[in-house]
Amino acid sequence: MNLNHQELQNLRHLIGSHQVTERKLNFYADESQDPQCKQIFSQSAKSASQTIQKLMSFLG
């Protein structure tokens, strides 16, 4: 798949945003005292990580 410059920039931005989100969610999970909140944050971080991997697959 050939991506143009704009598409590559958009992917880079999306990947970066999801990486920041994943780090924040993992931090919140680590800091959370409530098990239910911890689980929600952890699951959301995992989802962000999976999205990063999907986006990275477009880069070849």
N, C-alpha and C. Protein backbone atom coordinates (compact mmCIF):
# COMPACT_ATOMS: atom_id res chain seq x y z
N MET A 1 0.85 -1.17 0.00
CA MET A 1 0.00 0.00 0.00
C MET A 1 0.90 1.24 0.00
N ASN A 2 0.62 2.14 -0.91
CA ASN A 2 1.37 3.39 -0.98
C ASN A 2 0.56 4.51 -0.34
N LEU A 3 1.18 5.16 0.64
CA LEU A 3 0.52 6.27 1.32
C LEU A 3 1.18 7.57 0.90
N ASN A 4 0.37 8.60 0.73
CA ASN A 4 0.94 9.89 0.40
C ASN A 4 1.42 10.58 1.68
N HIS A 5 2.05 11.72 1.51
CA HIS A 5 2.63 12.44 2.64
C HIS A 5 1.58 12.79 3.70
N GLN A 6 0.43 13.26 3.28
CA GLN A 6 -0.63 13.64 4.21
C GLN A 6 -1.13 12.45 5.01
N GLU A 7 -1.30 11.32 4.35
CA GLU A 7 -1.74 10.11 5.03
C GLU A 7 -0.71 9.64 6.06
N LEU A 8 0.57 9.72 5.70
CA LEU A 8 1.62 9.36 6.65
C LEU A 8 1.62 10.28 7.86
N GLN A 9 1.43 11.57 7.63
CA GLN A 9 1.37 12.53 8.73
C GLN A 9 0.18 12.24 9.63
N ASN A 10 -0.96 11.93 9.02
CA ASN A 10 -2.15 11.61 9.81
C ASN A 10 -1.94 10.35 10.66
N LEU A 11 -1.33 9.33 10.06
CA LEU A 11 -1.03 8.10 10.81
C LEU A 11 -0.08 8.39 11.96
N ARG A 12 0.94 9.18 11.71
CA ARG A 12 1.90 9.53 12.75
C ARG A 12 1.21 10.24 13.90
N HIS A 13 0.31 11.15 13.57
CA HIS A 13 -0.43 11.89 14.60
C HIS A 13 -1.34 10.95 15.40
N LEU A 14 -2.06 10.08 14.71
CA LEU A 14 -2.96 9.14 15.39
C LEU A 14 -2.20 8.18 16.28
N ILE A 15 -1.09 7.66 15.79
CA ILE A 15 -0.29 6.73 16.59
C ILE A 15 0.23 7.43 17.83
N GLY A 16 0.76 8.64 17.65
CA GLY A 16 1.27 9.40 18.80
C GLY A 16 0.20 9.68 19.83
N SER A 17 -0.97 10.05 19.37
CA SER A 17 -2.08 10.33 20.29
C SER A 17 -2.48 9.09 21.08
N HIS A 18 -2.53 7.97 20.41
CA HIS A 18 -2.89 6.73 21.10
C HIS A 18 -1.80 6.29 22.06
N GLN A 19 -0.55 6.55 21.73
CA GLN A 19 0.54 6.21 22.64
C GLN A 19 0.45 7.02 23.93
N VAL A 20 0.16 8.30 23.80
CA VAL A 20 -0.01 9.15 24.98
C VAL A 20 -1.20 8.68 25.81
N THR A 21 -2.29 8.37 25.14
CA THR A 21 -3.48 7.89 25.83
C THR A 21 -3.20 6.59 26.56
N GLU A 22 -2.49 5.67 25.91
CA GLU A 22 -2.16 4.40 26.55
C GLU A 22 -1.32 4.62 27.81
N ARG A 23 -0.32 5.48 27.72
CA ARG A 23 0.53 5.76 28.89
C ARG A 23 -0.28 6.36 30.03
N LYS A 24 -1.16 7.30 29.72
CA LYS A 24 -1.99 7.92 30.76
C LYS A 24 -2.91 6.90 31.41
N LEU A 25 -3.55 6.09 30.60
CA LEU A 25 -4.48 5.09 31.14
C LEU A 25 -3.75 4.07 32.01
N ASN A 26 -2.55 3.66 31.60
CA ASN A 26 -1.77 2.75 32.44
C ASN A 26 -1.38 3.41 33.75
N PHE A 27 -1.05 4.69 33.70
CA PHE A 27 -0.73 5.43 34.92
C PHE A 27 -1.94 5.48 35.84
N TYR A 28 -3.09 5.81 35.27
CA TYR A 28 -4.32 5.88 36.08
C TYR A 28 -4.63 4.51 36.69
N ALA A 29 -4.44 3.45 35.92
CA ALA A 29 -4.69 2.10 36.44
C ALA A 29 -3.74 1.79 37.60
N ASP A 30 -2.49 2.16 37.45
CA ASP A 30 -1.51 1.91 38.51
C ASP A 30 -1.82 2.70 39.77
N GLU A 31 -2.34 3.89 39.61
CA GLU A 31 -2.60 4.77 40.75
C GLU A 31 -3.97 4.52 41.40
N SER A 32 -4.85 3.85 40.68
CA SER A 32 -6.21 3.66 41.16
C SER A 32 -6.26 2.67 42.32
N GLN A 33 -7.04 3.00 43.33
CA GLN A 33 -7.23 2.11 44.47
C GLN A 33 -8.46 1.22 44.28
N ASP A 34 -9.40 1.69 43.49
CA ASP A 34 -10.64 0.96 43.26
C ASP A 34 -10.40 -0.11 42.18
N PRO A 35 -10.67 -1.38 42.51
CA PRO A 35 -10.42 -2.46 41.54
C PRO A 35 -11.21 -2.32 40.24
N GLN A 36 -12.43 -1.83 40.34
CA GLN A 36 -13.24 -1.67 39.13
C GLN A 36 -12.66 -0.57 38.23
N CYS A 37 -12.25 0.52 38.83
CA CYS A 37 -11.62 1.61 38.05
C CYS A 37 -10.31 1.12 37.44
N LYS A 38 -9.53 0.40 38.23
CA LYS A 38 -8.25 -0.14 37.75
C LYS A 38 -8.48 -1.02 36.53
N GLN A 39 -9.51 -1.85 36.59
CA GLN A 39 -9.81 -2.75 35.48
C GLN A 39 -10.24 -1.96 34.24
N ILE A 40 -11.07 -0.97 34.42
CA ILE A 40 -11.53 -0.16 33.29
C ILE A 40 -10.36 0.56 32.63
N PHE A 41 -9.49 1.17 33.44
CA PHE A 41 -8.33 1.86 32.89
C PHE A 41 -7.41 0.88 32.16
N SER A 42 -7.19 -0.29 32.74
CA SER A 42 -6.32 -1.29 32.12
C SER A 42 -6.88 -1.78 30.79
N GLN A 43 -8.17 -2.04 30.77
CA GLN A 43 -8.81 -2.50 29.52
C GLN A 43 -8.75 -1.41 28.45
N SER A 44 -8.94 -0.17 28.85
CA SER A 44 -8.88 0.93 27.90
C SER A 44 -7.45 1.11 27.37
N ALA A 45 -6.46 0.94 28.23
CA ALA A 45 -5.06 1.02 27.79
C ALA A 45 -4.75 -0.10 26.80
N LYS A 46 -5.27 -1.28 27.07
CA LYS A 46 -5.06 -2.41 26.16
C LYS A 46 -5.69 -2.13 24.80
N SER A 47 -6.87 -1.55 24.81
CA SER A 47 -7.55 -1.19 23.57
C SER A 47 -6.73 -0.17 22.78
N ALA A 48 -6.18 0.82 23.47
CA ALA A 48 -5.34 1.82 22.81
C ALA A 48 -4.12 1.15 22.20
N SER A 49 -3.53 0.20 22.92
CA SER A 49 -2.36 -0.52 22.42
C SER A 49 -2.70 -1.32 21.16
N GLN A 50 -3.85 -1.95 21.16
CA GLN A 50 -4.28 -2.72 19.99
C GLN A 50 -4.51 -1.80 18.79
N THR A 51 -5.05 -0.62 19.05
CA THR A 51 -5.27 0.34 17.97
C THR A 51 -3.93 0.82 17.41
N ILE A 52 -2.96 1.03 18.29
CA ILE A 52 -1.62 1.42 17.83
C ILE A 52 -1.07 0.37 16.89
N GLN A 53 -1.20 -0.89 17.26
CA GLN A 53 -0.68 -1.98 16.41
C GLN A 53 -1.39 -2.01 15.06
N LYS A 54 -2.69 -1.79 15.06
CA LYS A 54 -3.44 -1.77 13.80
C LYS A 54 -2.97 -0.62 12.92
N LEU A 55 -2.79 0.56 13.53
CA LEU A 55 -2.33 1.72 12.77
C LEU A 55 -0.92 1.50 12.24
N MET A 56 -0.06 0.88 13.06
CA MET A 56 1.31 0.62 12.63
C MET A 56 1.34 -0.34 11.42
N SER A 57 0.36 -1.22 11.34
CA SER A 57 0.34 -2.17 10.24
C SER A 57 0.18 -1.46 8.88
N PHE A 58 -0.38 -0.26 8.89
CA PHE A 58 -0.53 0.49 7.65
C PHE A 58 0.81 1.05 7.17
N LEU A 59 1.78 1.09 8.06
CA LEU A 59 3.09 1.61 7.68
C LEU A 59 3.95 0.55 6.99
N GLY A 60 3.47 -0.67 7.01
CA GLY A 60 4.17 -1.74 6.30
C GLY A 60 5.10 -2.43 7.17
